[in-house]
């Protein structure tokens, strides 16, 4: 059984989404700033042209360092994506709020025009 989009959209607490959008964007920016600062304080990775490690322990350390570097790169990419998504979410919420206000205004204009047409068609000519 499929749920209609209208039902899904009505179930979303839009007032909470709109109220929390700036907090989400701010949190994503703080995350990006924190991750960005950690990158600048890290030493540069060792050159890949260096001599191979002499012992199994050195090999394990080199492998772990490479794994940590890869994980850090993934964390950087993820935090950048989160920041961009939060900014897009903020813009989307702003546009949705603008459309909501425009829709209310348009509904008011249509109601006034409907009343005016009803008065002209059915009202007070007295014939």
PDB file of N, CA and C in Angstrom:
ATOM      1  N   UNK A   1       0.849  -1.173   0.000  1.00  0.00           N
ATOM      2  CA  UNK A   1       0.000   0.000   0.000  1.00  0.00           C
ATOM      3  C   UNK A   1       0.904   1.248   0.000  1.00  0.00           C
ATOM      4  N   UNK A   2       0.722   2.084  -0.980  1.00  0.00           N
ATOM      5  CA  UNK A   2       1.541   3.278  -1.114  1.00  0.00           C
ATOM      6  C   UNK A   2       0.918   4.435  -0.336  1.00  0.00           C
ATOM      7  N   UNK A   3       1.777   5.213   0.281  1.00  0.00           N
ATOM      8  CA  UNK A   3       1.332   6.403   1.007  1.00  0.00           C
ATOM      9  C   UNK A   3       1.440   7.577   0.049  1.00  0.00           C
ATOM     10  N   UNK A   4       0.416   8.384  -0.033  1.00  0.00           N
ATOM     11  CA  UNK A   4       0.455   9.523  -0.957  1.00  0.00           C
ATOM     12  C   UNK A   4       1.425  10.589  -0.445  1.00  0.00           C
ATOM     13  N   UNK A   5       1.953  11.336  -1.387  1.00  0.00           N
ATOM     14  CA  UNK A   5       2.900  12.403  -1.038  1.00  0.00           C
ATOM     15  C   UNK A   5       2.239  13.451  -0.156  1.00  0.00           C
ATOM     16  N   UNK A   6       0.981  13.708  -0.418  1.00  0.00           N
ATOM     17  CA  UNK A   6       0.284  14.701   0.384  1.00  0.00           C
ATOM     18  C   UNK A   6       0.214  14.284   1.846  1.00  0.00           C
ATOM     19  N   UNK A   7      -0.026  13.009   2.096  1.00  0.00           N
ATOM     20  CA  UNK A   7      -0.068  12.498   3.465  1.00  0.00           C
ATOM     21  C   UNK A   7       1.295  12.637   4.130  1.00  0.00           C
ATOM     22  N   UNK A   8       2.348  12.322   3.381  1.00  0.00           N
ATOM     23  CA  UNK A   8       3.703  12.436   3.920  1.00  0.00           C
ATOM     24  C   UNK A   8       4.027  13.888   4.238  1.00  0.00           C
ATOM     25  N   UNK A   9       3.703  14.792   3.316  1.00  0.00           N
ATOM     26  CA  UNK A   9       4.002  16.207   3.529  1.00  0.00           C
ATOM     27  C   UNK A   9       3.198  16.795   4.682  1.00  0.00           C
ATOM     28  N   UNK A  10       1.978  16.312   4.880  1.00  0.00           N
ATOM     29  CA  UNK A  10       1.173  16.804   5.991  1.00  0.00           C
ATOM     30  C   UNK A  10       1.679  16.291   7.330  1.00  0.00           C
ATOM     31  N   UNK A  11       2.361  15.140   7.311  1.00  0.00           N
ATOM     32  CA  UNK A  11       2.867  14.565   8.556  1.00  0.00           C
ATOM     33  C   UNK A  11       4.140  15.255   9.041  1.00  0.00           C
ATOM     34  N   UNK A  12       4.806  16.006   8.167  1.00  0.00           N
ATOM     35  CA  UNK A  12       6.053  16.680   8.547  1.00  0.00           C
ATOM     36  C   UNK A  12       5.722  17.904   9.398  1.00  0.00           C
ATOM     37  N   UNK A  13       6.367  18.039  10.548  1.00  0.00           N
ATOM     38  CA  UNK A  13       6.142  19.231  11.381  1.00  0.00           C
ATOM     39  C   UNK A  13       6.909  20.426  10.804  1.00  0.00           C
ATOM     40  N   UNK A  14       6.317  21.087   9.823  1.00  0.00           N
ATOM     41  CA  UNK A  14       7.029  22.134   9.084  1.00  0.00           C
ATOM     42  C   UNK A  14       7.455  23.289   9.968  1.00  0.00           C
ATOM     43  N   UNK A  15       6.689  23.616  10.979  1.00  0.00           N
ATOM     44  CA  UNK A  15       7.104  24.726  11.850  1.00  0.00           C
ATOM     45  C   UNK A  15       8.413  24.379  12.557  1.00  0.00           C
ATOM     46  N   UNK A  16       8.591  23.127  12.961  1.00  0.00           N
ATOM     47  CA  UNK A  16       9.853  22.705  13.589  1.00  0.00           C
ATOM     48  C   UNK A  16      10.988  22.704  12.575  1.00  0.00           C
ATOM     49  N   UNK A  17      10.698  22.254  11.366  1.00  0.00           N
ATOM     50  CA  UNK A  17      11.730  22.225  10.320  1.00  0.00           C
ATOM     51  C   UNK A  17      12.204  23.636  10.019  1.00  0.00           C
ATOM     52  N   UNK A  18      11.261  24.558   9.869  1.00  0.00           N
ATOM     53  CA  UNK A  18      11.615  25.949   9.561  1.00  0.00           C
ATOM     54  C   UNK A  18      12.375  26.573  10.719  1.00  0.00           C
ATOM     55  N   UNK A  19      11.936  26.312  11.940  1.00  0.00           N
ATOM     56  CA  UNK A  19      12.575  26.906  13.115  1.00  0.00           C
ATOM     57  C   UNK A  19      14.003  26.370  13.301  1.00  0.00           C
ATOM     58  N   UNK A  20      14.234  25.094  12.968  1.00  0.00           N
ATOM     59  CA  UNK A  20      15.547  24.490  13.216  1.00  0.00           C
ATOM     60  C   UNK A  20      16.507  24.554  12.038  1.00  0.00           C
ATOM     61  N   UNK A  21      16.073  25.006  10.881  1.00  0.00           N
ATOM     62  CA  UNK A  21      16.954  25.057   9.710  1.00  0.00           C
ATOM     63  C   UNK A  21      18.223  25.889   9.961  1.00  0.00           C
ATOM     64  N   UNK A  22      18.132  27.075  10.558  1.00  0.00           N
ATOM     65  CA  UNK A  22      19.367  27.825  10.822  1.00  0.00           C
ATOM     66  C   UNK A  22      20.305  27.098  11.792  1.00  0.00           C
ATOM     67  N   UNK A  23      19.740  26.378  12.764  1.00  0.00           N
ATOM     68  CA  UNK A  23      20.579  25.638  13.709  1.00  0.00           C
ATOM     69  C   UNK A  23      21.320  24.514  12.996  1.00  0.00           C
ATOM     70  N   UNK A  24      20.651  23.848  12.069  1.00  0.00           N
ATOM     71  CA  UNK A  24      21.297  22.773  11.308  1.00  0.00           C
ATOM     72  C   UNK A  24      22.441  23.332  10.469  1.00  0.00           C
ATOM     73  N   UNK A  25      22.196  24.441   9.798  1.00  0.00           N
ATOM     74  CA  UNK A  25      23.242  25.055   8.971  1.00  0.00           C
ATOM     75  C   UNK A  25      24.417  25.511   9.830  1.00  0.00           C
ATOM     76  N   UNK A  26      24.121  26.086  10.992  1.00  0.00           N
ATOM     77  CA  UNK A  26      25.185  26.535  11.890  1.00  0.00           C
ATOM     78  C   UNK A  26      26.004  25.351  12.411  1.00  0.00           C
ATOM     79  N   UNK A  27      25.322  24.265  12.767  1.00  0.00           N
ATOM     80  CA  UNK A  27      26.020  23.067  13.237  1.00  0.00           C
ATOM     81  C   UNK A  27      26.910  22.475  12.158  1.00  0.00           C
ATOM     82  N   UNK A  28      26.422  22.461  10.921  1.00  0.00           N
ATOM     83  CA  UNK A  28      27.236  21.940   9.819  1.00  0.00           C
ATOM     84  C   UNK A  28      28.460  22.820   9.583  1.00  0.00           C
ATOM     85  N   UNK A  29      28.283  24.127   9.688  1.00  0.00           N
ATOM     86  CA  UNK A  29      29.431  25.035   9.529  1.00  0.00           C
ATOM     87  C   UNK A  29      30.457  24.827  10.634  1.00  0.00           C
ATOM     88  N   UNK A  30      29.981  24.634  11.869  1.00  0.00           N
ATOM     89  CA  UNK A  30      30.905  24.381  12.979  1.00  0.00           C
ATOM     90  C   UNK A  30      31.660  23.074  12.765  1.00  0.00           C
ATOM     91  N   UNK A  31      30.951  22.047  12.283  1.00  0.00           N
ATOM     92  CA  UNK A  31      31.598  20.767  11.993  1.00  0.00           C
ATOM     93  C   UNK A  31      32.678  20.949  10.944  1.00  0.00           C
ATOM     94  N   UNK A  32      32.355  21.663   9.881  1.00  0.00           N
ATOM     95  CA  UNK A  32      33.327  21.888   8.811  1.00  0.00           C
ATOM     96  C   UNK A  32      34.522  22.678   9.340  1.00  0.00           C
ATOM     97  N   UNK A  33      34.275  23.709  10.138  1.00  0.00           N
ATOM     98  CA  UNK A  33      35.381  24.498  10.700  1.00  0.00           C
ATOM     99  C   UNK A  33      36.267  23.645  11.599  1.00  0.00           C
ATOM    100  N   UNK A  34      35.660  22.794  12.418  1.00  0.00           N
ATOM    101  CA  UNK A  34      36.424  21.926  13.325  1.00  0.00           C
ATOM    102  C   UNK A  34      37.281  20.952  12.540  1.00  0.00           C
ATOM    103  N   UNK A  35      36.693  20.319  11.551  1.00  0.00           N
ATOM    104  CA  UNK A  35      37.439  19.354  10.740  1.00  0.00           C
ATOM    105  C   UNK A  35      38.527  20.069   9.949  1.00  0.00           C
ATOM    106  N   UNK A  36      38.215  21.242   9.427  1.00  0.00           N
ATOM    107  CA  UNK A  36      39.204  22.006   8.660  1.00  0.00           C
ATOM    108  C   UNK A  36      40.411  22.416   9.497  1.00  0.00           C
ATOM    109  N   UNK A  37      40.188  22.780  10.754  1.00  0.00           N
ATOM    110  CA  UNK A  37      41.297  23.152  11.632  1.00  0.00           C
ATOM    111  C   UNK A  37      42.178  21.955  11.929  1.00  0.00           C
ATOM    112  N   UNK A  38      41.579  20.785  12.102  1.00  0.00           N
ATOM    113  CA  UNK A  38      42.368  19.589  12.386  1.00  0.00           C
ATOM    114  C   UNK A  38      43.258  19.225  11.213  1.00  0.00           C
ATOM    115  N   UNK A  39      42.806  19.501  10.001  1.00  0.00           N
ATOM    116  CA  UNK A  39      43.610  19.185   8.820  1.00  0.00           C
ATOM    117  C   UNK A  39      44.858  20.047   8.780  1.00  0.00           C
ATOM    118  N   UNK A  40      44.716  21.341   9.082  1.00  0.00           N
ATOM    119  CA  UNK A  40      45.858  22.229   8.987  1.00  0.00           C
ATOM    120  C   UNK A  40      46.920  21.928  10.044  1.00  0.00           C
ATOM    121  N   UNK A  41      46.535  21.316  11.165  1.00  0.00           N
ATOM    122  CA  UNK A  41      47.507  21.029  12.215  1.00  0.00           C
ATOM    123  C   UNK A  41      48.182  19.675  12.039  1.00  0.00           C
ATOM    124  N   UNK A  42      47.705  18.856  11.084  1.00  0.00           N
ATOM    125  CA  UNK A  42      48.294  17.535  10.875  1.00  0.00           C
ATOM    126  C   UNK A  42      49.572  17.656  10.065  1.00  0.00           C
ATOM    127  N   UNK A  43      50.586  16.838  10.366  1.00  0.00           N
ATOM    128  CA  UNK A  43      51.798  16.849   9.564  1.00  0.00           C
ATOM    129  C   UNK A  43      51.530  16.233   8.199  1.00  0.00           C
ATOM    130  N   UNK A  44      52.372  16.589   7.237  1.00  0.00           N
ATOM    131  CA  UNK A  44      52.228  16.056   5.891  1.00  0.00           C
ATOM    132  C   UNK A  44      52.534  14.566   5.907  1.00  0.00           C
ATOM    133  N   UNK A  45      51.812  13.760   5.101  1.00  0.00           N
ATOM    134  CA  UNK A  45      52.082  12.329   5.066  1.00  0.00           C
ATOM    135  C   UNK A  45      53.460  12.052   4.478  1.00  0.00           C
ATOM    136  N   UNK A  46      54.009  10.904   4.866  1.00  0.00           N
ATOM    137  CA  UNK A  46      55.344  10.531   4.401  1.00  0.00           C
ATOM    138  C   UNK A  46      55.318  10.269   2.901  1.00  0.00           C
ATOM    139  N   UNK A  47      56.435  10.455   2.284  1.00  0.00           N
ATOM    140  CA  UNK A  47      56.559  10.259   0.842  1.00  0.00           C
ATOM    141  C   UNK A  47      56.408   8.781   0.504  1.00  0.00           C
ATOM    142  N   UNK A  48      55.795   8.503  -0.644  1.00  0.00           N
ATOM    143  CA  UNK A  48      55.610   7.112  -1.055  1.00  0.00           C
ATOM    144  C   UNK A  48      56.876   6.528  -1.670  1.00  0.00           C
ATOM    145  N   UNK A  49      57.861   7.369  -1.936  1.00  0.00           N
ATOM    146  CA  UNK A  49      59.102   6.869  -2.529  1.00  0.00           C
ATOM    147  C   UNK A  49      60.125   6.500  -1.466  1.00  0.00           C
ATOM    148  N   UNK A  50      59.746   6.561  -0.198  1.00  0.00           N
ATOM    149  CA  UNK A  50      60.681   6.223   0.880  1.00  0.00           C
ATOM    150  C   UNK A  50      60.991   4.725   0.848  1.00  0.00           C
ATOM    151  N   UNK A  51      62.049   4.370   1.524  1.00  0.00           N
ATOM    152  CA  UNK A  51      62.455   2.961   1.580  1.00  0.00           C
ATOM    153  C   UNK A  51      61.393   2.141   2.306  1.00  0.00           C
ATOM    154  N   UNK A  52      61.207   0.877   1.933  1.00  0.00           N
ATOM    155  CA  UNK A  52      60.213   0.047   2.610  1.00  0.00           C
ATOM    156  C   UNK A  52      60.600  -0.166   4.070  1.00  0.00           C
ATOM    157  N   UNK A  53      59.596  -0.311   4.952  1.00  0.00           N
ATOM    158  CA  UNK A  53      59.877  -0.518   6.367  1.00  0.00           C
ATOM    159  C   UNK A  53      60.689  -1.798   6.588  1.00  0.00           C
ATOM    160  N   UNK A  54      61.518  -1.747   7.625  1.00  0.00           N
ATOM    161  CA  UNK A  54      62.433  -2.865   7.870  1.00  0.00           C
ATOM    162  C   UNK A  54      61.789  -3.994   8.662  1.00  0.00           C
ATOM    163  N   UNK A  55      60.788  -3.703   9.476  1.00  0.00           N
ATOM    164  CA  UNK A  55      60.219  -4.743  10.322  1.00  0.00           C
ATOM    165  C   UNK A  55      58.706  -4.853  10.106  1.00  0.00           C
ATOM    166  N   UNK A  56      58.116  -5.977  10.540  1.00  0.00           N
ATOM    167  CA  UNK A  56      56.660  -6.124  10.418  1.00  0.00           C
ATOM    168  C   UNK A  56      55.898  -5.047  11.202  1.00  0.00           C
ATOM    169  N   UNK A  57      56.444  -4.613  12.324  1.00  0.00           N
ATOM    170  CA  UNK A  57      55.797  -3.563  13.106  1.00  0.00           C
ATOM    171  C   UNK A  57      55.769  -2.254  12.315  1.00  0.00           C
ATOM    172  N   UNK A  58      56.875  -1.946  11.644  1.00  0.00           N
ATOM    173  CA  UNK A  58      56.912  -0.735  10.816  1.00  0.00           C
ATOM    174  C   UNK A  58      55.910  -0.829   9.665  1.00  0.00           C
ATOM    175  N   UNK A  59      55.762  -2.022   9.128  1.00  0.00           N
ATOM    176  CA  UNK A  59      54.799  -2.232   8.044  1.00  0.00           C
ATOM    177  C   UNK A  59      53.379  -1.989   8.548  1.00  0.00           C
ATOM    178  N   UNK A  60      53.076  -2.525   9.724  1.00  0.00           N
ATOM    179  CA  UNK A  60      51.750  -2.319  10.305  1.00  0.00           C
ATOM    180  C   UNK A  60      51.495  -0.844  10.598  1.00  0.00           C
ATOM    181  N   UNK A  61      52.488  -0.159  11.116  1.00  0.00           N
ATOM    182  CA  UNK A  61      52.337   1.271  11.418  1.00  0.00           C
ATOM    183  C   UNK A  61      52.086   2.047  10.129  1.00  0.00           C
ATOM    184  N   UNK A  62      52.844   1.723   9.088  1.00  0.00           N
ATOM    185  CA  UNK A  62      52.661   2.418   7.810  1.00  0.00           C
ATOM    186  C   UNK A  62      51.263   2.152   7.242  1.00  0.00           C
ATOM    187  N   UNK A  63      50.804   0.916   7.366  1.00  0.00           N
ATOM    188  CA  UNK A  63      49.458   0.570   6.891  1.00  0.00           C
ATOM    189  C   UNK A  63      48.393   1.312   7.681  1.00  0.00           C
ATOM    190  N   UNK A  64      48.560   1.370   8.998  1.00  0.00           N
ATOM    191  CA  UNK A  64      47.603   2.087   9.841  1.00  0.00           C
ATOM    192  C   UNK A  64      47.599   3.586   9.539  1.00  0.00           C
ATOM    193  N   UNK A  65      48.775   4.148   9.302  1.00  0.00           N
ATOM    194  CA  UNK A  65      48.850   5.571   8.959  1.00  0.00           C
ATOM    195  C   UNK A  65      48.131   5.843   7.640  1.00  0.00           C
ATOM    196  N   UNK A  66      48.290   4.952   6.680  1.00  0.00           N
ATOM    197  CA  UNK A  66      47.609   5.123   5.399  1.00  0.00           C
ATOM    198  C   UNK A  66      46.092   5.011   5.586  1.00  0.00           C
ATOM    199  N   UNK A  67      45.665   4.069   6.430  1.00  0.00           N
ATOM    200  CA  UNK A  67      44.240   3.896   6.695  1.00  0.00           C
ATOM    201  C   UNK A  67      43.665   5.131   7.388  1.00  0.00           C
ATOM    202  N   UNK A  68      44.393   5.662   8.348  1.00  0.00           N
ATOM    203  CA  UNK A  68      43.939   6.869   9.054  1.00  0.00           C
ATOM    204  C   UNK A  68      43.845   8.038   8.078  1.00  0.00           C
ATOM    205  N   UNK A  69      44.809   8.159   7.194  1.00  0.00           N
ATOM    206  CA  UNK A  69      44.771   9.248   6.208  1.00  0.00           C
ATOM    207  C   UNK A  69      43.552   9.103   5.294  1.00  0.00           C
ATOM    208  N   UNK A  70      43.259   7.871   4.872  1.00  0.00           N
ATOM    209  CA  UNK A  70      42.074   7.649   4.039  1.00  0.00           C
ATOM    210  C   UNK A  70      40.791   7.976   4.790  1.00  0.00           C
ATOM    211  N   UNK A  71      40.701   7.549   6.040  1.00  0.00           N
ATOM    212  CA  UNK A  71      39.513   7.840   6.846  1.00  0.00           C
ATOM    213  C   UNK A  71      39.339   9.334   7.070  1.00  0.00           C
ATOM    214  N   UNK A  72      40.446  10.017   7.271  1.00  0.00           N
ATOM    215  CA  UNK A  72      40.374  11.459   7.468  1.00  0.00           C
ATOM    216  C   UNK A  72      39.894  12.149   6.191  1.00  0.00           C
ATOM    217  N   UNK A  73      40.360  11.688   5.047  1.00  0.00           N
ATOM    218  CA  UNK A  73      39.901  12.257   3.778  1.00  0.00           C
ATOM    219  C   UNK A  73      38.398  12.016   3.606  1.00  0.00           C
ATOM    220  N   UNK A  74      37.935  10.832   3.974  1.00  0.00           N
ATOM    221  CA  UNK A  74      36.506  10.544   3.894  1.00  0.00           C
ATOM    222  C   UNK A  74      35.713  11.427   4.852  1.00  0.00           C
ATOM    223  N   UNK A  75      36.247  11.661   6.047  1.00  0.00           N
ATOM    224  CA  UNK A  75      35.581  12.521   7.022  1.00  0.00           C
ATOM    225  C   UNK A  75      35.492  13.955   6.492  1.00  0.00           C
ATOM    226  N   UNK A  76      36.555  14.414   5.853  1.00  0.00           N
ATOM    227  CA  UNK A  76      36.545  15.759   5.277  1.00  0.00           C
ATOM    228  C   UNK A  76      35.477  15.866   4.191  1.00  0.00           C
ATOM    229  N   UNK A  77      35.428  14.872   3.321  1.00  0.00           N
ATOM    230  CA  UNK A  77      34.433  14.891   2.248  1.00  0.00           C
ATOM    231  C   UNK A  77      33.020  14.829   2.824  1.00  0.00           C
ATOM    232  N   UNK A  78      32.821  14.002   3.837  1.00  0.00           N
ATOM    233  CA  UNK A  78      31.499  13.882   4.456  1.00  0.00           C
ATOM    234  C   UNK A  78      31.080  15.180   5.139  1.00  0.00           C
ATOM    235  N   UNK A  79      31.987  15.808   5.848  1.00  0.00           N
ATOM    236  CA  UNK A  79      31.629  17.046   6.540  1.00  0.00           C
ATOM    237  C   UNK A  79      31.358  18.168   5.544  1.00  0.00           C
ATOM    238  N   UNK A  80      32.085  18.181   4.429  1.00  0.00           N
ATOM    239  CA  UNK A  80      31.806  19.174   3.380  1.00  0.00           C
ATOM    240  C   UNK A  80      30.414  18.925   2.792  1.00  0.00           C
ATOM    241  N   UNK A  81      30.079  17.675   2.553  1.00  0.00           N
ATOM    242  CA  UNK A  81      28.762  17.331   2.029  1.00  0.00           C
ATOM    243  C   UNK A  81      27.664  17.728   3.008  1.00  0.00           C
ATOM    244  N   UNK A  82      27.875  17.466   4.289  1.00  0.00           N
ATOM    245  CA  UNK A  82      26.891  17.843   5.307  1.00  0.00           C
ATOM    246  C   UNK A  82      26.692  19.351   5.322  1.00  0.00           C
ATOM    247  N   UNK A  83      27.773  20.086   5.218  1.00  0.00           N
ATOM    248  CA  UNK A  83      27.682  21.553   5.200  1.00  0.00           C
ATOM    249  C   UNK A  83      26.882  22.023   3.987  1.00  0.00           C
ATOM    250  N   UNK A  84      27.180  21.474   2.819  1.00  0.00           N
ATOM    251  CA  UNK A  84      26.463  21.871   1.610  1.00  0.00           C
ATOM    252  C   UNK A  84      24.986  21.492   1.684  1.00  0.00           C
ATOM    253  N   UNK A  85      24.683  20.303   2.216  1.00  0.00           N
ATOM    254  CA  UNK A  85      23.289  19.884   2.351  1.00  0.00           C
ATOM    255  C   UNK A  85      22.535  20.772   3.334  1.00  0.00           C
ATOM    256  N   UNK A  86      23.189  21.168   4.404  1.00  0.00           N
ATOM    257  CA  UNK A  86      22.537  22.051   5.379  1.00  0.00           C
ATOM    258  C   UNK A  86      22.245  23.416   4.753  1.00  0.00           C
ATOM    259  N   UNK A  87      23.172  23.921   3.946  1.00  0.00           N
ATOM    260  CA  UNK A  87      22.939  25.200   3.273  1.00  0.00           C
ATOM    261  C   UNK A  87      21.790  25.077   2.272  1.00  0.00           C
ATOM    262  N   UNK A  88      21.759  23.975   1.531  1.00  0.00           N
ATOM    263  CA  UNK A  88      20.668  23.757   0.586  1.00  0.00           C
ATOM    264  C   UNK A  88      19.337  23.609   1.323  1.00  0.00           C
ATOM    265  N   UNK A  89      19.353  22.937   2.466  1.00  0.00           N
ATOM    266  CA  UNK A  89      18.141  22.786   3.268  1.00  0.00           C
ATOM    267  C   UNK A  89      17.629  24.141   3.732  1.00  0.00           C
ATOM    268  N   UNK A  90      18.525  24.999   4.151  1.00  0.00           N
ATOM    269  CA  UNK A  90      18.131  26.336   4.585  1.00  0.00           C
ATOM    270  C   UNK A  90      17.499  27.109   3.433  1.00  0.00           C
ATOM    271  N   UNK A  91      18.107  27.028   2.256  1.00  0.00           N
ATOM    272  CA  UNK A  91      17.531  27.711   1.094  1.00  0.00           C
ATOM    273  C   UNK A  91      16.169  27.136   0.717  1.00  0.00           C
ATOM    274  N   UNK A  92      16.045  25.816   0.780  1.00  0.00           N
ATOM    275  CA  UNK A  92      14.780  25.161   0.463  1.00  0.00           C
ATOM    276  C   UNK A  92      13.686  25.585   1.437  1.00  0.00           C
ATOM    277  N   UNK A  93      14.007  25.624   2.711  1.00  0.00           N
ATOM    278  CA  UNK A  93      13.034  26.043   3.718  1.00  0.00           C
ATOM    279  C   UNK A  93      12.628  27.491   3.500  1.00  0.00           C
ATOM    280  N   UNK A  94      13.603  28.336   3.182  1.00  0.00           N
ATOM    281  CA  UNK A  94      13.301  29.759   2.927  1.00  0.00           C
ATOM    282  C   UNK A  94      12.339  29.886   1.739  1.00  0.00           C
ATOM    283  N   UNK A  95      12.621  29.143   0.662  1.00  0.00           N
ATOM    284  CA  UNK A  95      11.753  29.205  -0.517  1.00  0.00           C
ATOM    285  C   UNK A  95      10.371  28.621  -0.224  1.00  0.00           C
ATOM    286  N   UNK A  96      10.309  27.556   0.556  1.00  0.00           N
ATOM    287  CA  UNK A  96       9.015  26.967   0.914  1.00  0.00           C
ATOM    288  C   UNK A  96       8.187  27.970   1.721  1.00  0.00           C
ATOM    289  N   UNK A  97       8.820  28.696   2.611  1.00  0.00           N
ATOM    290  CA  UNK A  97       8.103  29.695   3.408  1.00  0.00           C
ATOM    291  C   UNK A  97       7.606  30.830   2.514  1.00  0.00           C
ATOM    292  N   UNK A  98       8.426  31.261   1.559  1.00  0.00           N
ATOM    293  CA  UNK A  98       7.995  32.302   0.616  1.00  0.00           C
ATOM    294  C   UNK A  98       6.791  31.811  -0.190  1.00  0.00           C
ATOM    295  N   UNK A  99       6.861  30.566  -0.661  1.00  0.00           N
ATOM    296  CA  UNK A  99       5.737  30.014  -1.427  1.00  0.00           C
ATOM    297  C   UNK A  99       4.486  29.876  -0.576  1.00  0.00           C
ATOM    298  N   UNK A 100       4.642  29.533   0.694  1.00  0.00           N
ATOM    299  CA  UNK A 100       3.487  29.426   1.587  1.00  0.00           C
ATOM    300  C   UNK A 100       2.802  30.782   1.741  1.00  0.00           C
ATOM    301  N   UNK A 101       3.589  31.829   1.938  1.00  0.00           N
ATOM    302  CA  UNK A 101       3.022  33.168   2.094  1.00  0.00           C
ATOM    303  C   UNK A 101       2.353  33.607   0.793  1.00  0.00           C
ATOM    304  N   UNK A 102       2.999  33.339  -0.333  1.00  0.00           N
ATOM    305  CA  UNK A 102       2.400  33.704  -1.626  1.00  0.00           C
ATOM    306  C   UNK A 102       1.094  32.948  -1.858  1.00  0.00           C
ATOM    307  N   UNK A 103       1.057  31.682  -1.478  1.00  0.00           N
ATOM    308  CA  UNK A 103      -0.153  30.884  -1.651  1.00  0.00           C
ATOM    309  C   UNK A 103      -1.290  31.438  -0.794  1.00  0.00           C
ATOM    310  N   UNK A 104      -0.994  31.798   0.441  1.00  0.00           N
ATOM    311  CA  UNK A 104      -2.024  32.398   1.302  1.00  0.00           C
ATOM    312  C   UNK A 104      -2.536  33.708   0.716  1.00  0.00           C
ATOM    313  N   UNK A 105      -1.614  34.525   0.217  1.00  0.00           N
ATOM    314  CA  UNK A 105      -1.993  35.799  -0.381  1.00  0.00           C
ATOM    315  C   UNK A 105      -2.863  35.562  -1.615  1.00  0.00           C
ATOM    316  N   UNK A 106      -2.456  34.610  -2.453  1.00  0.00           N
ATOM    317  CA  UNK A 106      -3.214  34.285  -3.656  1.00  0.00           C
ATOM    318  C   UNK A 106      -4.600  33.734  -3.304  1.00  0.00           C
ATOM    319  N   UNK A 107      -4.685  32.903  -2.273  1.00  0.00           N
ATOM    320  CA  UNK A 107      -5.980  32.383  -1.842  1.00  0.00           C
ATOM    321  C   UNK A 107      -6.888  33.517  -1.389  1.00  0.00           C
ATOM    322  N   UNK A 108      -6.330  34.494  -0.709  1.00  0.00           N
ATOM    323  CA  UNK A 108      -7.121  35.653  -0.293  1.00  0.00           C
ATOM    324  C   UNK A 108      -7.633  36.450  -1.476  1.00  0.00           C
ATOM    325  N   UNK A 109      -6.775  36.654  -2.463  1.00  0.00           N
ATOM    326  CA  UNK A 109      -7.182  37.387  -3.668  1.00  0.00           C
ATOM    327  C   UNK A 109      -8.279  36.619  -4.408  1.00  0.00           C
ATOM    328  N   UNK A 110      -8.111  35.313  -4.535  1.00  0.00           N
ATOM    329  CA  UNK A 110      -9.128  34.495  -5.216  1.00  0.00           C
ATOM    330  C   UNK A 110     -10.446  34.548  -4.451  1.00  0.00           C
ATOM    331  N   UNK A 111     -10.411  34.512  -3.150  1.00  0.00           N
ATOM    332  CA  UNK A 111     -11.635  34.578  -2.350  1.00  0.00           C
ATOM    333  C   UNK A 111     -12.344  35.917  -2.560  1.00  0.00           C
ATOM    334  N   UNK A 112     -11.585  36.996  -2.555  1.00  0.00           N
ATOM    335  CA  UNK A 112     -12.172  38.323  -2.766  1.00  0.00           C
ATOM    336  C   UNK A 112     -12.780  38.406  -4.165  1.00  0.00           C
ATOM    337  N   UNK A 113     -12.059  37.902  -5.162  1.00  0.00           N
ATOM    338  CA  UNK A 113     -12.586  37.918  -6.527  1.00  0.00           C
ATOM    339  C   UNK A 113     -13.819  37.029  -6.649  1.00  0.00           C
ATOM    340  N   UNK A 114     -13.817  35.891  -5.976  1.00  0.00           N
ATOM    341  CA  UNK A 114     -14.986  35.015  -5.989  1.00  0.00           C
ATOM    342  C   UNK A 114     -16.210  35.693  -5.404  1.00  0.00           C
ATOM    343  N   UNK A 115     -16.037  36.389  -4.310  1.00  0.00           N
ATOM    344  CA  UNK A 115     -17.149  37.117  -3.699  1.00  0.00           C
ATOM    345  C   UNK A 115     -17.627  38.220  -4.642  1.00  0.00           C
ATOM    346  N   UNK A 116     -16.690  38.913  -5.268  1.00  0.00           N
ATOM    347  CA  UNK A 116     -17.065  39.985  -6.197  1.00  0.00           C
ATOM    348  C   UNK A 116     -17.838  39.427  -7.384  1.00  0.00           C
ATOM    349  N   UNK A 117     -17.415  38.314  -7.931  1.00  0.00           N
ATOM    350  CA  UNK A 117     -18.120  37.700  -9.061  1.00  0.00           C
ATOM    351  C   UNK A 117     -19.503  37.232  -8.619  1.00  0.00           C
ATOM    352  N   UNK A 118     -19.592  36.624  -7.436  1.00  0.00           N
ATOM    353  CA  UNK A 118     -20.887  36.166  -6.933  1.00  0.00           C
ATOM    354  C   UNK A 118     -21.844  37.338  -6.754  1.00  0.00           C
ATOM    355  N   UNK A 119     -21.341  38.431  -6.261  1.00  0.00           N
ATOM    356  CA  UNK A 119     -22.187  39.618  -6.076  1.00  0.00           C
ATOM    357  C   UNK A 119     -22.635  40.141  -7.432  1.00  0.00           C
ATOM    358  N   UNK A 120     -21.736  40.175  -8.399  1.00  0.00           N
ATOM    359  CA  UNK A 120     -22.106  40.673  -9.722  1.00  0.00           C
ATOM    360  C   UNK A 120     -23.114  39.754 -10.412  1.00  0.00           C
ATOM    361  N   UNK A 121     -22.933  38.439 -10.260  1.00  0.00           N
ATOM    362  CA  UNK A 121     -23.826  37.501 -10.941  1.00  0.00           C
ATOM    363  C   UNK A 121     -25.181  37.356 -10.264  1.00  0.00           C
ATOM    364  N   UNK A 122     -25.164  37.260  -8.955  1.00  0.00           N
ATOM    365  CA  UNK A 122     -26.394  36.936  -8.240  1.00  0.00           C
ATOM    366  C   UNK A 122     -26.942  38.083  -7.418  1.00  0.00           C
ATOM    367  N   UNK A 123     -26.167  39.075  -7.270  1.00  0.00           N
ATOM    368  CA  UNK A 123     -26.561  40.086  -6.313  1.00  0.00           C
ATOM    369  C   UNK A 123     -27.356  41.224  -6.894  1.00  0.00           C
ATOM    370  N   UNK A 124     -27.761  41.960  -6.042  1.00  0.00           N
ATOM    371  CA  UNK A 124     -28.523  43.152  -6.023  1.00  0.00           C
ATOM    372  C   UNK A 124     -28.917  43.899  -7.269  1.00  0.00           C
ATOM    373  N   UNK A 125     -29.125  43.303  -8.409  1.00  0.00           N
ATOM    374  CA  UNK A 125     -29.629  44.069  -9.549  1.00  0.00           C
ATOM    375  C   UNK A 125     -31.110  44.376  -9.387  1.00  0.00           C
ATOM    376  N   UNK A 126     -31.824  43.514  -8.681  1.00  0.00           N
ATOM    377  CA  UNK A 126     -33.234  43.760  -8.351  1.00  0.00           C
ATOM    378  C   UNK A 126     -34.177  43.587  -9.518  1.00  0.00           C
ATOM    379  N   UNK A 127     -33.841  42.974 -10.561  1.00  0.00           N
ATOM    380  CA  UNK A 127     -34.721  42.815 -11.699  1.00  0.00           C
ATOM    381  C   UNK A 127     -35.642  41.697 -11.533  1.00  0.00           C
TER     382      UNK A 127
END
